[in-house]
Amino acid sequence: MVGFWHRLGTKGKALYSATLSPPFSSPLTLPHIWVPTQTPNRPLSSGFHRATGQTRSAAEIMSGKPIAKDIKLRVAAEISRMKAAIGRLPGLAMVLVGYREDSHAYVHIKLKACNEVGIETSIVQLPQDCTQDRLIDVVSSFNSNPSVHGIIVQLPLPEHLDEETIINFVSPEKDVDGFHPLNMGNLALRGREPLFIPCAPKACIELLLRYRVEIIGKNAVVIGRSKIAGLSTSLLLQRHHATVSTLHSFTNNPEQIIRRADIVVSDVGIPNIVRCDWLMPGAVVVDMGTNSVKDPNSPRGFRTTGDVCYEEAIKVVSAITPVPGGVGPVVISMLLSNTLDSAKRAYGFT
């Protein structure tokens, strides 16, 4: 089991300990109770919930689509108010390098979402063999453009480009992905406030809060430590006063650690790696994995699945996010929210 785990690689009461402004408000703060933007009509109502000792009939499906829709409506309303008051709109710039189909698909989804809420967009597409200096020049031009409030360099980059160097060149004030060392460092330090929280971890916490999942004092396991999701999710759960274990490619006996977790978050990019016998009965599962699996019965020849074996897990857990339709839609809405926050900060708009 340990040998298999080593092959994964490095990605391989229901309130937070901080009053986060709702996604549609600005500026972002991290006080001591993060209140969800809106709670569901009913509390979590499925499975065996360890905190209450109550047995329920079926697992709760934590869909992200209604949450994303609500956040997008609120962001759109704030953008309309901004335009009416000061005649300005938020601007998001994207840089796409190379020809990866998945990267092009993600950028298309982001552009579509921006268009729906009124965020102005610009995109620069660079060839696979573009030089690092050329990429830095593009990023620097967006840094100095006052109409651009958010900058995204779509990851992953081609291997000859240094991702960390490029990320460091993005202005922290426009780093709506939240990956700049200043924002990541402030997220890690108590008493500090990042200008932006990375979108995937922010979406994870929003889902948990909306479905009234208890976080304070709970055992949480994050599988994977990528900067995009795993690492910052661990930091964010700690700010919510969870006891957090981060599993990675050198973790021994990972299934034993996962089996003790009240909350399991997975981001390793391997389909169905987490099986039902790894999960404690009544656990809550947030599946951040997005994997394409060959499926001859699908019109596209493949289907999208997560890291967790959904068909097995749903029989054991109290709540779980589906893939697709779980975390993904909320991640996009958090990008819109971060871009709006940045524009508000730049214009002094409240």
Protein backbone atom coordinates (compact mmCIF):
# COMPACT_ATOMS: atom_id res chain seq x y z
CA MET A 1 0.00 0.00 0.00
CA VAL A 2 2.80 2.41 0.87
CA GLY A 3 4.52 1.79 -2.45
CA PHE A 4 1.33 2.56 -4.35
CA TRP A 5 0.78 5.75 -2.40
CA HIS A 6 4.32 6.91 -3.20
CA ARG A 7 3.44 6.88 -6.87
CA LEU A 8 0.80 9.56 -6.45
CA GLY A 9 3.19 12.52 -6.49
CA THR A 10 2.66 15.79 -4.62
CA LYS A 11 -0.70 16.55 -6.24
CA GLY A 12 -1.05 13.04 -6.34
CA LYS A 13 -20.55 24.95 15.40
CA ALA A 14 -20.68 25.09 11.50
CA LEU A 15 -18.85 28.40 11.36
CA TYR A 16 -15.28 29.37 10.56
CA SER A 17 -13.04 31.17 12.95
CA ALA A 18 -13.21 34.42 10.99
CA THR A 19 -16.05 36.74 9.74
CA LEU A 20 -15.31 36.60 6.08
CA SER A 21 -17.13 39.20 4.06
CA PRO A 22 -19.65 37.48 1.78
CA PRO A 23 -18.24 36.79 -1.70
CA PHE A 24 -20.04 39.80 -3.12
CA SER A 25 -18.73 42.30 -0.57
CA SER A 26 -15.40 44.06 -0.17
CA PRO A 27 -12.82 44.31 1.23
CA LEU A 28 -11.99 40.75 2.25
CA THR A 29 -11.37 40.22 5.95
CA LEU A 30 -10.70 37.15 8.06
CA PRO A 31 -12.11 37.78 11.54
CA HIS A 32 -13.17 35.03 13.93
CA ILE A 33 -16.37 33.63 12.47
CA TRP A 34 -16.74 33.15 8.74
CA VAL A 35 -20.47 33.33 8.12
CA PRO A 36 -21.66 31.62 4.93
CA THR A 37 -23.26 33.91 2.37
CA GLN A 38 -26.46 31.93 2.65
CA THR A 39 -27.43 28.77 4.49
CA PRO A 40 -29.54 25.97 3.04
CA ASN A 41 -33.19 25.61 3.97
CA ARG A 42 -32.43 22.60 6.11
CA PRO A 43 -29.47 21.35 8.12
CA LEU A 44 -27.30 18.48 6.99
CA SER A 45 -29.72 15.56 7.02
CA SER A 46 -28.00 12.38 6.04
CA GLY A 47 -25.91 9.50 7.28
CA PHE A 48 -24.50 9.11 10.79
CA HIS A 49 -23.22 12.43 12.03
CA ARG A 50 -20.47 11.89 14.56
CA ALA A 51 -21.06 15.24 16.26
CA THR A 52 -24.71 14.50 17.13
CA GLY A 53 -24.81 10.72 17.19
CA GLN A 54 -27.92 10.77 15.00
CA THR A 55 -28.49 8.24 12.24
CA ARG A 56 -30.02 9.48 9.00
CA SER A 57 -31.29 7.65 5.97
CA ALA A 58 -29.16 8.82 3.05
CA ALA A 59 -26.09 10.86 2.24
CA GLU A 60 -26.53 14.55 1.50
CA ILE A 61 -25.41 15.49 -2.01
CA MET A 62 -23.62 18.83 -1.65
CA SER A 63 -24.29 20.34 -5.05
CA GLY A 64 -22.33 23.46 -5.91
CA LYS A 65 -24.57 24.64 -8.73
CA PRO A 66 -27.19 26.50 -6.65
CA ILE A 67 -24.47 28.06 -4.51
CA ALA A 68 -22.54 29.22 -7.58
CA LYS A 69 -25.72 30.62 -9.11
CA ASP A 70 -26.50 32.61 -5.97
CA ILE A 71 -22.99 34.05 -5.73
CA LYS A 72 -22.96 34.97 -9.42
CA LEU A 73 -26.28 36.79 -9.06
CA ARG A 74 -24.93 38.77 -6.13
CA VAL A 75 -21.67 39.57 -7.95
CA ALA A 76 -23.64 40.72 -11.01
CA ALA A 77 -25.82 42.95 -8.84
CA GLU A 78 -22.76 44.57 -7.25
CA ILE A 79 -21.14 45.13 -10.63
CA SER A 80 -24.32 46.82 -11.89
CA ARG A 81 -24.31 49.04 -8.81
CA MET A 82 -20.64 49.91 -9.40
CA LYS A 83 -21.27 50.79 -13.03
CA ALA A 84 -24.23 52.99 -12.12
CA ALA A 85 -22.34 54.77 -9.32
CA ILE A 86 -18.88 55.36 -10.81
CA GLY A 87 -19.13 54.19 -14.41
CA ARG A 88 -16.48 51.49 -13.92
CA LEU A 89 -16.40 47.72 -14.39
CA PRO A 90 -14.03 45.08 -13.00
CA GLY A 91 -11.43 43.81 -15.47
CA LEU A 92 -9.86 40.35 -15.61
CA ALA A 93 -6.85 39.48 -17.80
CA MET A 94 -5.92 35.90 -18.65
CA VAL A 95 -2.69 34.53 -20.08
CA LEU A 96 -2.79 31.16 -21.83
CA VAL A 97 0.42 29.44 -22.93
CA GLY A 98 0.45 26.44 -25.21
CA TYR A 99 -2.18 24.10 -26.58
CA ARG A 100 -3.44 21.99 -23.70
CA GLU A 101 -7.09 21.19 -24.32
CA ASP A 102 -7.99 21.26 -20.64
CA SER A 103 -6.40 24.69 -20.14
CA HIS A 104 -8.28 26.09 -23.14
CA ALA A 105 -11.52 24.60 -21.77
CA TYR A 106 -10.97 26.15 -18.32
CA VAL A 107 -10.25 29.57 -19.82
CA HIS A 108 -13.40 29.33 -21.94
CA ILE A 109 -15.48 28.58 -18.83
CA LYS A 110 -13.95 31.55 -17.00
CA LEU A 111 -14.54 33.90 -19.93
CA LYS A 112 -18.17 32.80 -20.18
CA ALA A 113 -18.75 33.33 -16.44
CA CYS A 114 -17.18 36.80 -16.57
CA ASN A 115 -19.41 37.75 -19.48
CA GLU A 116 -22.50 36.63 -17.56
CA VAL A 117 -21.84 38.95 -14.61
CA GLY A 118 -20.37 41.95 -16.46
CA ILE A 119 -16.63 41.58 -15.85
CA GLU A 120 -14.56 42.89 -18.75
CA THR A 121 -11.99 40.39 -20.00
CA SER A 122 -8.87 40.32 -22.10
CA ILE A 123 -6.82 37.28 -23.07
CA VAL A 124 -3.33 36.82 -24.44
CA GLN A 125 -2.56 33.46 -26.03
CA LEU A 126 1.13 32.59 -26.33
CA PRO A 127 2.72 29.70 -28.24
CA GLN A 128 4.01 26.58 -26.51
CA ASP A 129 7.62 27.64 -27.07
CA CYS A 130 7.28 31.22 -25.83
CA THR A 131 10.19 32.45 -23.73
CA GLN A 132 9.98 33.25 -20.04
CA ASP A 133 10.93 36.87 -20.76
CA ARG A 134 8.02 37.18 -23.19
CA LEU A 135 5.58 35.81 -20.61
CA ILE A 136 6.94 38.14 -17.93
CA ASP A 137 6.51 41.10 -20.29
CA VAL A 138 2.83 40.20 -20.79
CA VAL A 139 2.23 39.86 -17.06
CA SER A 140 4.05 43.15 -16.37
CA SER A 141 1.87 44.98 -18.91
CA PHE A 142 -1.25 43.81 -17.09
CA ASN A 143 0.29 44.77 -13.73
CA SER A 144 0.60 48.38 -14.92
CA ASN A 145 -2.83 48.55 -16.60
CA PRO A 146 -5.28 50.32 -14.24
CA SER A 147 -8.32 48.81 -15.98
CA VAL A 148 -7.11 45.30 -15.11
CA HIS A 149 -7.98 44.25 -11.56
CA GLY A 150 -7.26 40.55 -11.77
CA ILE A 151 -4.58 38.54 -13.57
CA ILE A 152 -4.68 34.81 -14.23
CA VAL A 153 -1.78 32.86 -15.68
CA GLN A 154 -3.44 29.57 -16.57
CA LEU A 155 -1.59 26.62 -15.02
CA PRO A 156 0.15 24.33 -15.68
CA LEU A 157 2.74 26.06 -17.84
CA PRO A 158 5.04 24.27 -20.30
CA GLU A 159 7.96 22.62 -18.53
CA HIS A 160 10.59 25.09 -19.76
CA LEU A 161 8.86 27.93 -17.90
CA ASP A 162 9.34 28.48 -14.17
CA GLU A 163 5.86 28.71 -12.64
CA GLU A 164 7.07 30.16 -9.34
CA THR A 165 8.96 32.96 -11.08
CA ILE A 166 5.91 33.85 -13.17
CA ILE A 167 3.55 33.77 -10.19
CA ASN A 168 5.93 36.05 -8.29
CA PHE A 169 5.70 38.62 -11.10
CA VAL A 170 1.91 38.92 -10.77
CA SER A 171 1.07 41.94 -8.64
CA PRO A 172 -0.25 40.76 -5.23
CA GLU A 173 -3.03 43.37 -5.59
CA LYS A 174 -4.20 41.64 -8.80
CA ASP A 175 -3.46 38.05 -7.81
CA VAL A 176 -7.09 36.85 -7.90
CA ASP A 177 -5.87 33.23 -7.95
CA GLY A 178 -4.30 33.86 -4.54
CA PHE A 179 -1.02 32.10 -5.38
CA HIS A 180 1.45 34.96 -4.82
CA PRO A 181 3.81 34.30 -1.88
CA LEU A 182 2.49 37.40 -0.11
CA ASN A 183 -1.09 36.12 -0.21
CA MET A 184 -0.17 32.53 0.60
CA GLY A 185 2.10 33.65 3.43
CA ASN A 186 -0.54 35.88 4.97
CA LEU A 187 -3.04 33.04 4.76
CA ALA A 188 -0.64 30.84 6.72
CA LEU A 189 -0.02 33.37 9.52
CA ARG A 190 -2.57 34.04 12.24
CA GLY A 191 -3.37 37.72 12.55
CA ARG A 192 -2.56 38.38 8.89
CA GLU A 193 -5.08 38.85 6.09
CA PRO A 194 -4.36 37.85 2.48
CA LEU A 195 -5.65 40.15 -0.22
CA PHE A 196 -7.09 37.06 -1.91
CA ILE A 197 -7.89 33.52 -0.83
CA PRO A 198 -7.30 30.90 -3.55
CA CYS A 199 -10.57 30.08 -5.28
CA ALA A 200 -10.69 26.29 -4.82
CA PRO A 201 -10.15 26.31 -1.01
CA LYS A 202 -12.54 29.24 -0.69
CA ALA A 203 -15.14 27.20 -2.58
CA CYS A 204 -14.51 24.17 -0.37
CA ILE A 205 -15.16 26.13 2.82
CA GLU A 206 -18.20 27.87 1.34
CA LEU A 207 -19.73 24.47 0.50
CA LEU A 208 -19.12 23.16 4.01
CA LEU A 209 -20.64 26.24 5.61
CA ARG A 210 -23.64 26.38 3.32
CA TYR A 211 -24.49 22.80 4.20
CA ARG A 212 -23.93 23.48 7.90
CA VAL A 213 -21.08 21.05 8.33
CA GLU A 214 -19.33 21.49 11.66
CA ILE A 215 -15.67 22.42 11.22
CA ILE A 216 -14.51 23.73 14.60
CA GLY A 217 -12.71 21.00 16.53
CA LYS A 218 -13.21 18.34 13.86
CA ASN A 219 -10.53 16.06 12.44
CA ALA A 220 -9.95 17.01 8.81
CA VAL A 221 -7.73 15.28 6.27
CA VAL A 222 -6.59 16.97 3.07
CA ILE A 223 -5.21 14.55 0.50
CA GLY A 224 -2.68 16.41 -1.66
CA ARG A 225 -0.68 19.58 -1.09
CA SER A 226 -0.77 21.45 -4.41
CA LYS A 227 -0.72 25.24 -4.23
CA ILE A 228 -3.90 25.35 -6.31
CA ALA A 229 -6.00 23.48 -3.76
CA GLY A 230 -4.50 21.13 -1.18
CA LEU A 231 -1.99 23.33 0.63
CA SER A 232 -4.22 26.39 0.99
CA THR A 233 -7.25 24.24 1.90
CA SER A 234 -5.25 22.88 4.83
CA LEU A 235 -4.40 26.42 5.93
CA LEU A 236 -7.99 27.57 5.60
CA LEU A 237 -9.36 24.62 7.59
CA GLN A 238 -6.88 25.45 10.36
CA ARG A 239 -8.23 28.99 10.45
CA HIS A 240 -11.60 27.35 10.99
CA HIS A 241 -10.11 25.57 14.02
CA ALA A 242 -10.15 22.08 12.54
CA THR A 243 -7.37 19.67 13.43
CA VAL A 244 -5.82 19.11 10.01
CA SER A 245 -3.65 16.33 8.58
CA THR A 246 -2.18 16.83 5.10
CA LEU A 247 -1.40 13.63 3.23
CA HIS A 248 1.14 13.47 0.41
CA SER A 249 3.31 11.07 -1.56
CA PHE A 250 5.50 10.24 1.45
CA THR A 251 2.68 9.59 3.92
CA ASN A 252 2.74 6.11 5.44
CA ASN A 253 -0.54 4.20 5.83
CA PRO A 254 -2.75 7.02 4.47
CA GLU A 255 -5.92 4.95 4.66
CA GLN A 256 -5.56 4.65 8.44
CA ILE A 257 -5.32 8.44 8.82
CA ILE A 258 -8.26 9.07 6.48
CA ARG A 259 -10.39 6.56 8.37
CA ARG A 260 -10.25 8.79 11.49
CA ALA A 261 -11.34 11.96 9.68
CA ASP A 262 -14.66 13.75 10.16
CA ILE A 263 -13.97 15.79 6.99
CA VAL A 264 -12.05 14.47 3.98
CA VAL A 265 -10.90 16.76 1.17
CA SER A 266 -9.20 15.14 -1.81
CA ASP A 267 -7.09 16.76 -4.54
CA VAL A 268 -4.68 14.20 -6.00
CA GLY A 269 -5.94 13.79 -9.56
CA ILE A 270 -6.26 10.00 -9.54
CA PRO A 271 -9.75 8.64 -10.25
CA ASN A 272 -11.41 6.61 -7.48
CA ILE A 273 -8.26 6.42 -5.34
CA VAL A 274 -10.29 6.88 -2.14
CA ARG A 275 -12.48 3.83 -1.51
CA CYS A 276 -15.32 3.38 0.95
CA ASP A 277 -13.22 1.34 3.40
CA TRP A 278 -10.93 4.37 3.79
CA LEU A 279 -13.81 6.51 5.07
CA MET A 280 -15.25 6.73 8.56
CA PRO A 281 -19.03 6.18 8.61
CA GLY A 282 -20.69 9.59 8.70
CA ALA A 283 -17.69 11.50 7.34
CA VAL A 284 -18.16 14.51 5.07
CA VAL A 285 -16.30 14.34 1.74
CA VAL A 286 -15.31 17.25 -0.51
CA ASP A 287 -13.93 15.84 -3.75
CA MET A 288 -11.79 18.38 -5.61
CA GLY A 289 -10.49 15.86 -8.13
CA THR A 290 -11.42 16.25 -11.80
CA ASN A 291 -10.33 13.27 -13.86
CA SER A 292 -11.23 12.06 -17.34
CA VAL A 293 -11.90 8.32 -17.52
CA LYS A 294 -12.45 6.41 -20.77
CA ASP A 295 -16.07 5.40 -21.17
CA PRO A 296 -17.22 3.82 -24.46
CA ASN A 297 -20.84 4.36 -23.42
CA SER A 298 -20.37 8.13 -23.28
CA PRO A 299 -20.96 10.19 -26.45
CA ARG A 300 -17.61 11.90 -25.82
CA GLY A 301 -15.79 8.63 -25.21
CA PHE A 302 -14.97 9.59 -21.63
CA ARG A 303 -16.61 10.71 -18.41
CA THR A 304 -15.48 12.99 -15.61
CA THR A 305 -14.96 11.53 -12.16
CA GLY A 306 -13.37 12.59 -8.90
CA ASP A 307 -10.70 11.14 -6.63
CA VAL A 308 -13.29 9.44 -4.43
CA CYS A 309 -15.21 6.36 -5.58
CA TYR A 310 -18.60 8.08 -5.44
CA GLU A 311 -20.75 4.95 -5.80
CA GLU A 312 -19.07 3.37 -2.77
CA ALA A 313 -18.66 6.48 -0.64
CA ILE A 314 -22.28 7.59 -0.86
CA LYS A 315 -23.28 4.44 1.05
CA VAL A 316 -21.00 5.32 3.96
CA VAL A 317 -20.66 9.10 4.32
CA SER A 318 -23.12 11.68 5.64
CA ALA A 319 -22.43 14.18 2.84
CA ILE A 320 -20.41 14.29 -0.37
CA THR A 321 -19.82 16.58 -3.33
CA PRO A 322 -20.55 15.14 -6.77
CA VAL A 323 -18.08 15.32 -9.66
CA PRO A 324 -18.92 17.16 -11.81
CA GLY A 325 -21.28 19.69 -10.26
CA GLY A 326 -19.80 19.93 -6.78
CA VAL A 327 -16.80 22.16 -6.04
CA GLY A 328 -16.14 23.21 -9.65
CA PRO A 329 -19.00 25.68 -10.20
CA VAL A 330 -18.28 27.38 -6.87
CA VAL A 331 -14.58 27.76 -7.76
CA ILE A 332 -15.53 29.81 -10.83
CA SER A 333 -17.92 31.98 -8.80
CA MET A 334 -15.13 32.66 -6.28
CA LEU A 335 -12.91 33.89 -9.11
CA LEU A 336 -15.63 36.37 -10.03
CA SER A 337 -15.92 37.38 -6.39
CA ASN A 338 -12.17 37.93 -6.01
CA THR A 339 -12.09 40.04 -9.18
CA LEU A 340 -14.96 42.18 -7.91
CA ASP A 341 -13.21 42.62 -4.54
CA SER A 342 -10.06 43.74 -6.33
CA ALA A 343 -11.92 46.33 -8.41
CA LYS A 344 -13.71 47.67 -5.34
CA ARG A 345 -10.39 48.01 -3.54
CA ALA A 346 -8.81 49.79 -6.53
CA TYR A 347 -11.66 52.29 -6.89
CA GLY A 348 -12.36 52.72 -3.17
CA PHE A 349 -15.91 51.58 -3.85
CA THR A 350 -18.01 50.27 -0.98
